């Protein structure tokens, strides 16, 4: 799994570098991340909403 994660990070870096409106978060969870890490997911969404509102 570490090699897969390293590849995903490598592939996402250029996307994020060229698109300032994109954000990549790494959370320690499986595909069921909303159930496993609800507070982290909620915080990420709320932070993004607050940042978007500040730009408007």
N, C-alpha and C. Protein backbone atom coordinates (compact mmCIF):
# COMPACT_ATOMS: atom_id res chain seq x y z
N UNK A 1 0.80 -1.21 0.00
CA UNK A 1 0.00 0.00 0.00
C UNK A 1 0.84 1.28 0.00
N UNK A 2 2.00 1.29 0.66
CA UNK A 2 2.80 2.53 0.63
C UNK A 2 3.19 2.96 -0.78
N UNK A 3 3.48 2.01 -1.66
CA UNK A 3 3.84 2.36 -3.03
C UNK A 3 2.65 2.97 -3.77
N UNK A 4 1.47 2.45 -3.53
CA UNK A 4 0.26 3.00 -4.15
C UNK A 4 0.04 4.44 -3.68
N UNK A 5 0.14 4.65 -2.39
CA UNK A 5 -0.04 6.01 -1.85
C UNK A 5 1.00 6.97 -2.40
N UNK A 6 2.24 6.50 -2.52
CA UNK A 6 3.30 7.35 -3.06
C UNK A 6 2.99 7.72 -4.51
N UNK A 7 2.47 6.78 -5.27
CA UNK A 7 2.10 7.06 -6.66
C UNK A 7 0.95 8.05 -6.76
N UNK A 8 -0.02 7.90 -5.90
CA UNK A 8 -1.15 8.83 -5.89
C UNK A 8 -0.67 10.23 -5.54
N UNK A 9 0.17 10.33 -4.52
CA UNK A 9 0.73 11.64 -4.16
C UNK A 9 1.48 12.25 -5.34
N UNK A 10 2.31 11.45 -5.97
CA UNK A 10 3.10 11.91 -7.12
C UNK A 10 2.19 12.43 -8.23
N UNK A 11 1.11 11.71 -8.50
CA UNK A 11 0.20 12.09 -9.58
C UNK A 11 -0.64 13.32 -9.24
N UNK A 12 -0.94 13.52 -7.98
CA UNK A 12 -1.78 14.65 -7.58
C UNK A 12 -1.00 15.96 -7.44
N UNK A 13 0.27 15.88 -7.13
CA UNK A 13 1.07 17.09 -6.93
C UNK A 13 1.00 18.06 -8.10
N UNK A 14 1.20 17.62 -9.35
CA UNK A 14 1.11 18.58 -10.46
C UNK A 14 -0.29 19.17 -10.63
N UNK A 15 -1.32 18.39 -10.34
CA UNK A 15 -2.69 18.91 -10.46
C UNK A 15 -2.92 20.05 -9.48
N UNK A 16 -2.53 19.84 -8.25
CA UNK A 16 -2.73 20.85 -7.21
C UNK A 16 -1.85 22.08 -7.48
N UNK A 17 -0.65 21.86 -7.97
CA UNK A 17 0.27 22.97 -8.24
C UNK A 17 -0.29 23.90 -9.32
N UNK A 18 -0.99 23.33 -10.30
CA UNK A 18 -1.52 24.13 -11.39
C UNK A 18 -2.93 24.66 -11.15
N UNK A 19 -3.56 24.20 -10.10
CA UNK A 19 -4.95 24.57 -9.83
C UNK A 19 -5.10 24.97 -8.36
N UNK A 20 -4.95 26.25 -8.07
CA UNK A 20 -4.97 26.68 -6.66
C UNK A 20 -6.31 26.44 -5.96
N UNK A 21 -7.37 26.22 -6.72
CA UNK A 21 -8.67 25.98 -6.09
C UNK A 21 -8.83 24.53 -5.64
N UNK A 22 -7.90 23.65 -6.02
CA UNK A 22 -7.97 22.25 -5.59
C UNK A 22 -7.20 22.05 -4.29
N UNK A 23 -7.63 21.09 -3.55
CA UNK A 23 -6.98 20.77 -2.29
C UNK A 23 -7.00 19.25 -2.13
N UNK A 24 -5.92 18.72 -1.64
CA UNK A 24 -5.81 17.28 -1.40
C UNK A 24 -5.54 17.07 0.08
N UNK A 25 -6.36 16.26 0.69
CA UNK A 25 -6.18 15.93 2.10
C UNK A 25 -5.95 14.44 2.23
N UNK A 26 -5.04 14.06 3.07
CA UNK A 26 -4.82 12.65 3.37
C UNK A 26 -5.38 12.38 4.75
N UNK A 27 -6.31 11.47 4.80
CA UNK A 27 -6.91 11.08 6.07
C UNK A 27 -6.63 9.60 6.31
N UNK A 28 -6.36 9.25 7.52
CA UNK A 28 -6.08 7.87 7.88
C UNK A 28 -7.41 7.12 8.00
N UNK A 29 -7.88 6.61 6.87
CA UNK A 29 -9.18 5.92 6.85
C UNK A 29 -9.27 5.06 5.60
N UNK A 30 -10.26 4.22 5.57
CA UNK A 30 -10.51 3.37 4.41
C UNK A 30 -11.53 4.05 3.51
N UNK A 31 -12.13 3.29 2.61
CA UNK A 31 -13.17 3.84 1.75
C UNK A 31 -14.40 4.29 2.53
N UNK A 32 -14.50 3.86 3.76
CA UNK A 32 -15.61 4.22 4.63
C UNK A 32 -15.23 5.42 5.50
N UNK A 33 -14.48 6.33 4.91
CA UNK A 33 -13.89 7.41 5.69
C UNK A 33 -14.91 8.31 6.36
N UNK A 34 -16.07 8.52 5.79
CA UNK A 34 -17.07 9.38 6.42
C UNK A 34 -17.52 8.79 7.75
N UNK A 35 -17.65 7.48 7.80
CA UNK A 35 -18.04 6.84 9.06
C UNK A 35 -16.87 6.72 10.02
N UNK A 36 -15.66 6.53 9.49
CA UNK A 36 -14.49 6.35 10.34
C UNK A 36 -13.94 7.65 10.90
N UNK A 37 -14.02 8.72 10.13
CA UNK A 37 -13.42 10.00 10.52
C UNK A 37 -14.42 11.15 10.30
N UNK A 38 -15.61 11.08 10.88
CA UNK A 38 -16.62 12.10 10.60
C UNK A 38 -16.18 13.51 10.99
N UNK A 39 -15.46 13.65 12.08
CA UNK A 39 -15.04 14.98 12.51
C UNK A 39 -14.04 15.59 11.53
N UNK A 40 -13.10 14.78 11.05
CA UNK A 40 -12.11 15.29 10.09
C UNK A 40 -12.77 15.66 8.77
N UNK A 41 -13.71 14.86 8.32
CA UNK A 41 -14.41 15.16 7.06
C UNK A 41 -15.22 16.45 7.23
N UNK A 42 -15.93 16.55 8.33
CA UNK A 42 -16.73 17.76 8.57
C UNK A 42 -15.84 19.00 8.64
N UNK A 43 -14.70 18.89 9.32
CA UNK A 43 -13.78 20.03 9.43
C UNK A 43 -13.26 20.43 8.06
N UNK A 44 -12.93 19.46 7.23
CA UNK A 44 -12.42 19.76 5.89
C UNK A 44 -13.48 20.48 5.06
N UNK A 45 -14.71 20.03 5.14
CA UNK A 45 -15.80 20.66 4.39
C UNK A 45 -16.05 22.08 4.90
N UNK A 46 -16.12 22.24 6.21
CA UNK A 46 -16.37 23.55 6.78
C UNK A 46 -15.23 24.53 6.48
N UNK A 47 -14.00 24.05 6.53
CA UNK A 47 -12.86 24.91 6.20
C UNK A 47 -12.92 25.35 4.74
N UNK A 48 -13.25 24.44 3.86
CA UNK A 48 -13.36 24.78 2.45
C UNK A 48 -14.49 25.78 2.21
N UNK A 49 -15.61 25.59 2.88
CA UNK A 49 -16.73 26.53 2.73
C UNK A 49 -16.34 27.92 3.24
N UNK A 50 -15.65 27.98 4.37
CA UNK A 50 -15.24 29.26 4.93
C UNK A 50 -14.25 29.96 3.99
N UNK A 51 -13.31 29.21 3.45
CA UNK A 51 -12.35 29.79 2.53
C UNK A 51 -13.03 30.29 1.27
N UNK A 52 -13.97 29.54 0.76
CA UNK A 52 -14.72 29.94 -0.44
C UNK A 52 -15.52 31.20 -0.18
N UNK A 53 -16.13 31.30 1.00
CA UNK A 53 -16.92 32.48 1.34
C UNK A 53 -16.03 33.72 1.45
N UNK A 54 -14.81 33.56 1.97
CA UNK A 54 -13.89 34.69 2.08
C UNK A 54 -13.47 35.21 0.70
N UNK A 55 -13.38 34.32 -0.28
CA UNK A 55 -12.98 34.72 -1.63
C UNK A 55 -14.10 35.45 -2.36
N UNK A 56 -15.33 35.18 -1.99
CA UNK A 56 -16.49 35.75 -2.72
C UNK A 56 -16.67 37.22 -2.44
